Amino acid sequence: MKLKYAASLHSWVLPQWNPEAGKFAIEQTAKHGFDIIEILLPGSMEFDVSTVKRQLNQNNLGVVCSLNLSKETHIPAHPEKALGTIKKALDITAGLDADFLGGVLHGGIGVVTGDVLQQQEKEIIAEVWHKAGNYAQSLGITIGIEPINRYESYVCNTAANVLEIINMANSPALAVHLDTFHMNIEENNFRDPVTASGKLLKHVHITESHRGMPGEGTVNWDEFFLALKEIDFEGNLVLENFSSSVPGMQQAVSLWQKSPHNALELALGSLAFIKDGIQKVI
């Protein structure tokens, strides 16, 4: 396996980009032994690429980007606006010399229609992904699509949902981005989504069933790490858990229970847990 260990922006700060918090997150990620940071891009696309790139270089830290579509860029309802936003995110990703953009790129988070995803909607999404994939390929970037749970989206809840539309979209730049928190809700187990994705799996958010310390919840980590070995996973393992010790985090991500670990304890403990889990299977 060829792995890179990452921390997400909101391992340290709120999941809303601002320059001061971003600088702090970059410094903390580099200081505490991660290879890369995942930066969640703002929907406004207001982002100082040159300054962030300089900060990354100063800290000798790699980077990948992510983007979560909003109600206003829900692909079935606003395909052209969504495509424009994804292209802007790809431009920022390229400007940072990054080669991966992941996230909820199938529909707006929180958007529901009261019905299952319709075939016409799938076709609209596939067309947008095809165009976005072609643009990404021209920039040398892979796009990873993240399925999320039923309470946040009706579009793609499982790896199978993503794989179906990737097959329709027919672009070599498209890949799968899994998240163990959402897998714990929607998938039957932690092996099948990984093995079904195979070499299309390029990025994983590592987080416990309650968004806390890995090993203290219900995620079947042994099964998950063995599945990564089975596909000889090559990609990013990204810490994405949250601590209520970060002011405003509880409100930002609905983390209503107080965390037993502060942000630094959670980051260091999670990184050690992930590395130990990988070491046991290789």
Protein backbone atom coordinates (compact mmCIF):
# COMPACT_ATOMS: atom_id res chain seq x y z
CA MET A 1 0.00 0.00 0.00
CA LYS A 2 1.12 3.52 -0.76
CA LEU A 3 -0.44 5.79 1.83
CA LYS A 4 -0.41 9.41 2.84
CA TYR A 5 -1.69 10.41 6.27
CA ALA A 6 -3.66 13.64 6.41
CA ALA A 7 -5.56 15.85 8.78
CA SER A 8 -8.58 17.78 7.61
CA LEU A 9 -8.82 21.51 8.16
CA HIS A 10 -11.44 20.97 10.84
CA SER A 11 -9.29 18.68 12.90
CA TRP A 12 -8.07 22.04 14.26
CA VAL A 13 -10.54 24.78 13.32
CA LEU A 14 -14.13 25.33 12.24
CA PRO A 15 -15.09 24.01 8.78
CA GLN A 16 -15.36 27.51 7.38
CA TRP A 17 -12.23 28.82 5.70
CA ASN A 18 -10.55 32.02 6.81
CA PRO A 19 -6.87 32.94 6.36
CA GLU A 20 -5.92 33.12 10.04
CA ALA A 21 -7.51 29.79 10.97
CA GLY A 22 -6.11 28.20 7.81
CA LYS A 23 -2.57 29.23 8.72
CA PHE A 24 -3.00 27.75 12.20
CA ALA A 25 -4.34 24.46 10.77
CA ILE A 26 -1.46 24.19 8.31
CA GLU A 27 1.09 24.75 11.07
CA GLN A 28 -0.54 22.24 13.41
CA THR A 29 -0.84 19.58 10.71
CA ALA A 30 2.82 19.90 9.77
CA LYS A 31 4.00 20.05 13.38
CA HIS A 32 2.28 16.85 14.45
CA GLY A 33 3.47 14.39 11.84
CA PHE A 34 0.93 14.40 9.02
CA ASP A 35 1.94 14.24 5.35
CA ILE A 36 -0.81 16.44 3.98
CA ILE A 37 -3.71 18.66 4.96
CA GLU A 38 -7.16 18.51 3.41
CA ILE A 39 -8.53 22.00 2.91
CA LEU A 40 -12.31 22.30 2.64
CA LEU A 41 -12.80 25.10 0.14
CA PRO A 42 -15.40 27.79 0.83
CA GLY A 43 -18.47 27.82 -1.38
CA SER A 44 -17.76 31.48 -2.14
CA MET A 45 -14.41 30.44 -3.69
CA GLU A 46 -12.81 33.40 -1.90
CA PHE A 47 -9.37 31.92 -1.35
CA ASP A 48 -5.88 33.43 -1.50
CA VAL A 49 -4.05 30.70 -3.40
CA SER A 50 -0.62 32.35 -3.40
CA THR A 51 -0.58 32.95 0.37
CA VAL A 52 -1.76 29.44 1.21
CA LYS A 53 0.73 27.91 -1.21
CA ARG A 54 3.52 29.86 0.47
CA GLN A 55 2.40 28.69 3.92
CA LEU A 56 2.32 25.07 2.74
CA ASN A 57 5.82 25.36 1.30
CA GLN A 58 7.14 27.01 4.46
CA ASN A 59 5.83 24.06 6.47
CA ASN A 60 6.89 21.41 3.94
CA LEU A 61 3.32 20.13 3.85
CA GLY A 62 1.35 18.53 1.04
CA VAL A 63 -2.27 19.41 0.32
CA VAL A 64 -5.49 18.09 -1.15
CA CYS A 65 -8.76 19.96 -1.43
CA SER A 66 -12.40 19.18 -0.86
CA LEU A 67 -15.69 20.87 -1.65
CA ASN A 68 -19.23 20.30 -0.46
CA LEU A 69 -22.01 21.41 -2.77
CA SER A 70 -24.77 23.59 -1.34
CA LYS A 71 -28.49 23.97 -1.96
CA GLU A 72 -27.65 26.61 -4.55
CA THR A 73 -25.35 24.19 -6.41
CA HIS A 74 -27.48 21.04 -6.09
CA ILE A 75 -26.62 19.35 -9.39
CA PRO A 76 -30.07 18.03 -10.44
CA ALA A 77 -31.59 21.49 -9.99
CA HIS A 78 -28.65 23.74 -10.92
CA PRO A 79 -26.29 21.74 -13.16
CA GLU A 80 -24.53 24.67 -14.85
CA LYS A 81 -23.98 26.54 -11.59
CA ALA A 82 -22.71 23.36 -9.96
CA LEU A 83 -20.30 22.70 -12.82
CA GLY A 84 -19.00 26.25 -12.62
CA THR A 85 -18.38 25.92 -8.89
CA ILE A 86 -16.59 22.59 -9.30
CA LYS A 87 -14.40 24.08 -12.03
CA LYS A 88 -13.48 27.00 -9.77
CA ALA A 89 -12.56 24.52 -7.04
CA LEU A 90 -10.43 22.61 -9.52
CA ASP A 91 -8.65 25.83 -10.47
CA ILE A 92 -7.81 26.48 -6.81
CA THR A 93 -6.68 22.87 -6.39
CA ALA A 94 -4.39 23.23 -9.40
CA GLY A 95 -3.10 26.56 -8.10
CA LEU A 96 -1.97 24.81 -4.92
CA ASP A 97 -0.19 22.15 -7.00
CA ALA A 98 -2.57 19.56 -5.54
CA ASP A 99 -3.78 16.56 -7.51
CA PHE A 100 -7.02 15.68 -5.70
CA LEU A 101 -10.40 17.31 -5.10
CA GLY A 102 -12.86 15.32 -3.01
CA GLY A 103 -16.08 15.92 -1.14
CA VAL A 104 -19.83 15.90 -1.54
CA LEU A 105 -19.94 16.58 -5.27
CA HIS A 106 -23.18 14.77 -6.13
CA GLY A 107 -25.75 17.08 -4.58
CA GLY A 108 -26.25 19.84 -2.07
CA ILE A 109 -25.86 18.83 1.55
CA GLY A 110 -29.22 18.93 3.27
CA VAL A 111 -31.23 18.96 0.04
CA VAL A 112 -34.11 16.47 0.00
CA THR A 113 -37.00 16.00 -2.41
CA GLY A 114 -39.05 13.52 -0.43
CA ASP A 115 -38.37 10.85 -3.02
CA VAL A 116 -35.61 8.52 -4.19
CA LEU A 117 -33.10 9.66 -6.79
CA GLN A 118 -34.71 9.57 -10.23
CA GLN A 119 -33.08 8.29 -13.42
CA GLN A 120 -33.28 11.72 -15.02
CA GLU A 121 -31.42 13.17 -12.03
CA LYS A 122 -28.71 10.51 -12.38
CA GLU A 123 -28.28 11.45 -16.03
CA ILE A 124 -27.91 15.14 -15.19
CA ILE A 125 -25.31 14.32 -12.52
CA ALA A 126 -23.43 12.02 -14.89
CA GLU A 127 -23.26 14.74 -17.53
CA VAL A 128 -21.89 17.27 -15.02
CA TRP A 129 -19.35 14.72 -13.73
CA HIS A 130 -18.27 13.95 -17.29
CA LYS A 131 -17.60 17.62 -18.04
CA ALA A 132 -15.95 18.20 -14.64
CA GLY A 133 -13.88 15.07 -15.11
CA ASN A 134 -12.63 16.21 -18.50
CA TYR A 135 -11.63 19.56 -17.01
CA ALA A 136 -9.94 17.87 -14.05
CA GLN A 137 -8.03 15.55 -16.37
CA SER A 138 -6.65 18.54 -18.26
CA LEU A 139 -5.27 19.84 -14.93
CA GLY A 140 -3.92 16.49 -13.74
CA ILE A 141 -6.45 16.28 -10.90
CA THR A 142 -8.55 13.36 -9.68
CA ILE A 143 -12.09 14.07 -8.43
CA GLY A 144 -13.27 11.87 -5.54
CA ILE A 145 -17.02 11.63 -4.91
CA GLU A 146 -18.06 11.13 -1.27
CA PRO A 147 -21.31 9.32 -0.45
CA ILE A 148 -22.94 10.60 2.74
CA ASN A 149 -25.77 9.43 4.96
CA ARG A 150 -29.49 9.56 4.24
CA TYR A 151 -30.09 12.40 6.70
CA GLU A 152 -27.85 14.74 4.68
CA SER A 153 -28.52 13.65 1.09
CA TYR A 154 -30.83 11.49 -1.01
CA VAL A 155 -28.41 11.36 -3.95
CA CYS A 156 -25.39 9.15 -3.10
CA ASN A 157 -25.47 7.33 0.23
CA THR A 158 -23.30 4.33 -0.59
CA ALA A 159 -20.21 3.43 -2.59
CA ALA A 160 -22.49 1.55 -4.99
CA ASN A 161 -24.47 4.74 -5.67
CA VAL A 162 -21.28 6.61 -6.57
CA LEU A 163 -19.90 3.78 -8.68
CA GLU A 164 -23.13 3.57 -10.70
CA ILE A 165 -22.99 7.23 -11.74
CA ILE A 166 -19.21 7.17 -12.29
CA ASN A 167 -19.85 4.36 -14.78
CA MET A 168 -22.47 6.51 -16.50
CA ALA A 169 -20.19 9.57 -16.54
CA ASN A 170 -17.33 7.74 -18.25
CA SER A 171 -14.38 9.89 -17.18
CA PRO A 172 -11.01 8.49 -16.04
CA ALA A 173 -10.59 11.43 -13.66
CA LEU A 174 -13.43 10.28 -11.38
CA ALA A 175 -12.81 8.27 -8.22
CA VAL A 176 -14.42 7.25 -4.93
CA HIS A 177 -14.00 9.09 -1.63
CA LEU A 178 -15.32 7.09 1.35
CA ASP A 179 -15.98 8.18 4.93
CA THR A 180 -16.14 5.65 7.77
CA PHE A 181 -18.74 7.73 9.66
CA HIS A 182 -21.17 7.55 6.76
CA MET A 183 -20.24 3.94 5.98
CA ASN A 184 -21.18 3.03 9.55
CA ILE A 185 -24.71 4.30 8.85
CA GLU A 186 -25.33 3.24 5.26
CA GLU A 187 -23.16 0.24 4.34
CA ASN A 188 -23.70 -3.41 5.30
CA ASN A 189 -20.09 -3.76 6.42
CA PHE A 190 -16.68 -2.14 6.08
CA ARG A 191 -15.21 -4.54 3.52
CA ASP A 192 -17.58 -4.61 0.56
CA PRO A 193 -17.61 -0.86 -0.25
CA VAL A 194 -13.81 -0.83 -0.22
CA THR A 195 -13.36 -3.93 -2.38
CA ALA A 196 -16.16 -2.88 -4.77
CA SER A 197 -14.43 0.47 -5.26
CA GLY A 198 -11.06 -1.20 -5.75
CA LYS A 199 -8.53 1.00 -7.52
CA LEU A 200 -11.15 3.75 -7.84
CA LEU A 201 -10.87 4.33 -4.09
CA LYS A 202 -8.38 7.16 -3.66
CA HIS A 203 -9.37 8.98 -0.48
CA VAL A 204 -10.89 8.01 2.88
CA HIS A 205 -12.12 10.12 5.76
CA ILE A 206 -11.18 8.29 8.93
CA THR A 207 -13.58 8.96 11.78
CA GLU A 208 -15.36 7.00 14.47
CA SER A 209 -19.11 6.33 14.60
CA HIS A 210 -19.55 9.29 16.97
CA ARG A 211 -16.89 11.48 15.29
CA GLY A 212 -14.55 10.93 18.23
CA MET A 213 -11.45 8.85 18.89
CA PRO A 214 -11.11 5.81 16.59
CA GLY A 215 -11.49 2.62 18.59
CA GLU A 216 -13.94 4.14 21.06
CA GLY A 217 -17.05 3.63 18.90
CA THR A 218 -18.66 0.96 16.73
CA VAL A 219 -16.65 1.10 13.48
CA ASN A 220 -15.18 -2.32 12.58
CA TRP A 221 -11.63 -1.12 12.06
CA ASP A 222 -10.10 -4.57 11.67
CA GLU A 223 -12.40 -5.34 8.75
CA PHE A 224 -11.76 -1.93 7.23
CA PHE A 225 -7.95 -2.10 7.39
CA LEU A 226 -7.94 -5.63 6.00
CA ALA A 227 -10.08 -4.44 3.10
CA LEU A 228 -7.57 -1.69 2.34
CA LYS A 229 -4.85 -4.31 2.23
CA GLU A 230 -6.99 -6.51 -0.02
CA ILE A 231 -7.19 -3.81 -2.70
CA ASP A 232 -3.60 -2.66 -2.09
CA PHE A 233 -4.96 0.81 -1.40
CA GLU A 234 -3.03 3.76 -2.79
CA GLY A 235 -4.30 7.08 -1.56
CA ASN A 236 -5.01 9.34 1.37
CA LEU A 237 -6.19 8.41 4.86
CA VAL A 238 -7.60 11.62 6.23
CA LEU A 239 -8.42 12.23 9.87
CA GLU A 240 -11.86 13.86 9.99
CA ASN A 241 -13.14 13.91 13.51
CA PHE A 242 -14.25 16.84 15.61
CA SER A 243 -13.61 18.06 19.14
CA SER A 244 -15.94 20.28 21.14
CA SER A 245 -12.80 21.93 22.54
CA VAL A 246 -12.71 24.03 19.35
CA PRO A 247 -14.99 27.02 20.04
CA GLY A 248 -18.07 26.89 17.84
CA MET A 249 -17.48 23.33 16.59
CA GLN A 250 -20.51 21.87 18.36
CA GLN A 251 -22.81 24.30 16.58
CA ALA A 252 -21.02 24.02 13.23
CA VAL A 253 -21.24 20.23 12.91
CA SER A 254 -24.09 19.35 15.32
CA LEU A 255 -21.66 17.84 17.82
CA TRP A 256 -24.02 18.17 20.75
CA GLN A 257 -22.14 15.83 23.09
CA LYS A 258 -19.04 17.15 24.84
CA SER A 259 -15.87 15.51 23.56
CA PRO A 260 -13.71 13.61 26.05
CA HIS A 261 -10.60 14.63 24.06
CA ASN A 262 -9.36 18.05 23.04
CA ALA A 263 -8.42 18.66 19.41
CA LEU A 264 -4.72 17.88 19.82
CA GLU A 265 -5.34 14.70 21.83
CA LEU A 266 -7.85 13.59 19.22
CA ALA A 267 -5.49 14.26 16.32
CA LEU A 268 -2.46 12.57 17.85
CA GLY A 269 -4.43 9.60 19.20
CA SER A 270 -6.22 9.10 15.89
CA LEU A 271 -3.01 9.23 13.86
CA ALA A 272 -1.38 6.67 16.15
CA PHE A 273 -4.45 4.43 15.93
CA ILE A 274 -4.53 4.55 12.12
CA LYS A 275 -0.84 3.84 11.74
CA ASP A 276 -1.05 0.95 14.19
CA GLY A 277 -4.05 -0.50 12.34
CA ILE A 278 -2.26 -0.33 9.01
CA GLN A 279 0.91 -1.82 10.47
CA LYS A 280 -1.00 -4.84 11.76
CA VAL A 281 -2.20 -5.80 8.25
CA ILE A 282 0.91 -5.18 6.16
